[in-house]
């Protein structure tokens, strides 16, 4: 077996110290940690639906079918897309004209070019029109002449938000 000289011992000691220092340096930079976070989803606010009017023609007569125009505002911090409407609570307000002389039409469709995307935080009403949404029956009672009907337009909508673009690391 060879005898270790002072010089060899010094070289070996320097090598061990260098490797140890490199390991210590790695330990300093290789730090990890885990934390706990929480978040909650925001509240959804109802859309504002303005007064609806009938179009083409504006007045009911036996057998007539009408488009309905109304306005929508969106107070939510995300855009929405109108997916459909339903007409409810049709009321003649007249004993001489039953409410069921005017009916909602199932499957009404948006007019060509109708605004269906309502931007986030919209305070300026957006006009929306649905074709052939309400009608008067063909054999409407004679007592329905000149009777003003009221009804509600219920708007169904969903979030039209898009995922943000990925952020480069």
Protein backbone atom coordinates (compact mmCIF):
# COMPACT_ATOMS: atom_id res chain seq x y z
CA UNK A 1 0.00 0.00 0.00
CA UNK A 2 1.27 3.46 -0.86
CA UNK A 3 2.05 5.98 1.73
CA UNK A 4 0.00 9.20 1.58
CA UNK A 5 2.21 12.21 1.47
CA UNK A 6 1.31 15.58 2.89
CA UNK A 7 0.86 16.88 -0.59
CA UNK A 8 -1.56 14.04 -1.53
CA UNK A 9 -3.48 14.59 1.69
CA UNK A 10 -3.81 18.31 0.90
CA UNK A 11 -5.10 17.55 -2.65
CA UNK A 12 -7.64 15.00 -1.33
CA UNK A 13 -8.77 17.40 1.40
CA UNK A 14 -9.22 20.22 -1.13
CA UNK A 15 -11.26 17.90 -3.40
CA UNK A 16 -13.53 16.82 -0.53
CA UNK A 17 -14.05 20.45 0.53
CA UNK A 18 -14.85 21.46 -3.08
CA UNK A 19 -17.42 18.65 -3.50
CA UNK A 20 -18.95 19.50 -0.11
CA UNK A 21 -19.18 23.20 -1.00
CA UNK A 22 -20.86 22.37 -4.31
CA UNK A 23 -23.38 20.20 -2.45
CA UNK A 24 -24.03 22.98 0.04
CA UNK A 25 -24.51 25.48 -2.77
CA UNK A 26 -27.05 23.18 -4.41
CA UNK A 27 -28.88 22.82 -1.11
CA UNK A 28 -29.17 26.59 -0.80
CA UNK A 29 -30.67 26.97 -4.29
CA UNK A 30 -32.84 23.84 -4.23
CA UNK A 31 -35.47 25.15 -1.77
CA UNK A 32 -39.14 24.21 -2.18
CA UNK A 33 -42.31 25.01 -0.24
CA UNK A 34 -46.04 24.42 -0.25
CA UNK A 35 -48.78 26.77 0.92
CA UNK A 36 -52.55 26.77 1.13
CA UNK A 37 -54.76 29.14 -0.87
CA UNK A 38 -58.48 29.71 -1.26
CA UNK A 39 -60.79 31.60 -3.58
CA UNK A 40 -64.51 31.69 -4.22
CA UNK A 41 -66.60 32.25 -7.32
CA UNK A 42 -68.44 35.55 -7.61
CA UNK A 43 -72.19 36.05 -7.56
CA UNK A 44 -74.23 36.19 -10.76
CA UNK A 45 -76.61 39.12 -11.20
CA UNK A 46 -79.86 38.91 -13.19
CA UNK A 47 -79.98 40.48 -16.63
CA UNK A 48 -82.05 43.61 -17.01
CA UNK A 49 -84.87 43.12 -19.54
CA UNK A 50 -86.63 46.24 -20.76
CA UNK A 51 -90.21 46.66 -21.90
CA UNK A 52 -91.10 44.39 -24.80
CA UNK A 53 -93.13 45.48 -27.81
CA UNK A 54 -94.75 43.51 -30.61
CA UNK A 55 -93.74 44.18 -34.20
CA UNK A 56 -94.94 43.36 -37.72
CA UNK A 57 -97.74 44.43 -37.16
CA UNK A 58 -97.75 46.01 -33.70
CA UNK A 59 -101.47 45.29 -32.97
CA UNK A 60 -103.02 41.85 -32.55
CA UNK A 61 -105.78 40.59 -34.83
CA UNK A 62 -107.19 37.08 -35.29
CA UNK A 63 -104.51 34.74 -36.66
CA UNK A 64 -101.69 37.31 -36.42
CA UNK A 65 -98.17 36.32 -35.41
CA UNK A 66 -95.66 38.88 -34.14
CA UNK A 67 -91.99 39.43 -33.49
CA UNK A 68 -91.08 40.73 -30.05
CA UNK A 69 -88.44 43.40 -29.48
CA UNK A 70 -86.92 44.19 -26.08
CA UNK A 71 -83.70 45.47 -24.54
CA UNK A 72 -81.16 43.72 -22.32
CA UNK A 73 -78.48 45.02 -19.95
CA UNK A 74 -75.80 42.84 -18.35
CA UNK A 75 -74.48 43.96 -14.94
CA UNK A 76 -72.16 40.94 -14.66
CA UNK A 77 -68.36 41.21 -14.99
CA UNK A 78 -68.43 38.67 -17.85
CA UNK A 79 -70.19 38.68 -21.25
CA UNK A 80 -73.31 36.59 -21.80
CA UNK A 81 -74.95 35.07 -24.86
CA UNK A 82 -78.74 34.99 -25.15
CA UNK A 83 -79.76 31.39 -25.79
CA UNK A 84 -83.53 31.77 -25.96
CA UNK A 85 -86.64 33.48 -24.65
CA UNK A 86 -89.97 32.41 -23.22
CA UNK A 87 -93.07 34.55 -23.02
CA UNK A 88 -95.16 34.13 -19.89
CA UNK A 89 -97.92 35.79 -17.88
CA UNK A 90 -99.98 36.90 -20.88
CA UNK A 91 -102.80 39.04 -19.51
CA UNK A 92 -105.64 40.77 -21.33
CA UNK A 93 -106.91 42.55 -18.22
CA UNK A 94 -110.42 42.17 -19.69
CA UNK A 95 -113.25 39.86 -18.66
CA UNK A 96 -114.53 40.03 -22.27
CA UNK A 97 -111.26 38.61 -23.65
CA UNK A 98 -109.67 35.55 -22.06
CA UNK A 99 -105.90 35.60 -21.70
CA UNK A 100 -105.53 32.47 -23.87
CA UNK A 101 -106.64 34.40 -26.96
CA UNK A 102 -102.96 35.34 -27.23
CA UNK A 103 -100.31 32.61 -26.98
CA UNK A 104 -96.55 32.36 -26.84
CA UNK A 105 -94.99 30.59 -29.82
CA UNK A 106 -92.57 27.84 -28.86
CA UNK A 107 -89.25 27.88 -30.66
CA UNK A 108 -89.15 31.57 -31.55
CA UNK A 109 -85.88 32.42 -33.30
CA UNK A 110 -83.71 35.53 -33.17
CA UNK A 111 -84.14 37.98 -36.04
CA UNK A 112 -81.36 38.00 -38.63
CA UNK A 113 -78.51 40.09 -37.29
CA UNK A 114 -79.98 40.20 -33.78
CA UNK A 115 -77.57 41.05 -30.99
CA UNK A 116 -77.18 37.91 -28.89
CA UNK A 117 -73.83 38.63 -27.21
CA UNK A 118 -74.23 41.14 -24.41
CA UNK A 119 -70.89 42.56 -23.20
CA UNK A 120 -69.87 42.56 -19.54
CA UNK A 121 -70.98 45.48 -17.36
CA UNK A 122 -73.38 46.76 -20.03
CA UNK A 123 -75.46 49.68 -18.80
CA UNK A 124 -76.57 50.82 -22.26
CA UNK A 125 -79.55 48.62 -23.25
CA UNK A 126 -78.86 46.28 -26.18
CA UNK A 127 -81.84 45.78 -28.53
CA UNK A 128 -82.87 42.19 -29.23
CA UNK A 129 -85.63 40.93 -31.54
CA UNK A 130 -87.14 37.44 -31.74
CA UNK A 131 -89.26 36.58 -34.79
CA UNK A 132 -92.73 35.05 -34.51
CA UNK A 133 -92.68 34.86 -30.71
CA UNK A 134 -96.33 35.63 -29.88
CA UNK A 135 -99.64 35.21 -31.69
CA UNK A 136 -103.38 35.75 -31.45
CA UNK A 137 -105.50 32.68 -32.10
CA UNK A 138 -107.55 32.61 -35.31
CA UNK A 139 -110.91 32.48 -33.53
CA UNK A 140 -110.18 35.15 -30.93
CA UNK A 141 -113.19 36.42 -28.99
CA UNK A 142 -114.95 39.53 -30.29
CA UNK A 143 -114.33 41.10 -26.89
CA UNK A 144 -110.58 41.21 -27.67
CA UNK A 145 -110.94 44.17 -30.04
CA UNK A 146 -108.71 47.05 -28.87
CA UNK A 147 -107.70 45.17 -25.69
CA UNK A 148 -104.09 45.82 -24.63
CA UNK A 149 -102.31 42.61 -23.64
CA UNK A 150 -99.35 42.52 -21.27
CA UNK A 151 -96.77 39.76 -21.04
CA UNK A 152 -93.34 39.02 -19.64
CA UNK A 153 -90.26 38.16 -21.68
CA UNK A 154 -87.93 35.78 -19.85
CA UNK A 155 -84.42 35.72 -21.29
CA UNK A 156 -82.25 32.62 -20.98
CA UNK A 157 -78.53 33.32 -21.31
CA UNK A 158 -75.20 31.75 -20.47
CA UNK A 159 -71.68 32.95 -19.91
CA UNK A 160 -69.92 33.89 -23.13
CA UNK A 161 -66.55 34.25 -21.44
CA UNK A 162 -63.46 32.79 -23.06
CA UNK A 163 -60.41 31.30 -21.40
CA UNK A 164 -57.55 33.78 -21.19
CA UNK A 165 -54.53 33.14 -23.36
CA UNK A 166 -51.83 31.18 -21.54
CA UNK A 167 -49.11 33.29 -20.02
CA UNK A 168 -45.60 32.36 -21.08
CA UNK A 169 -43.40 31.31 -18.16
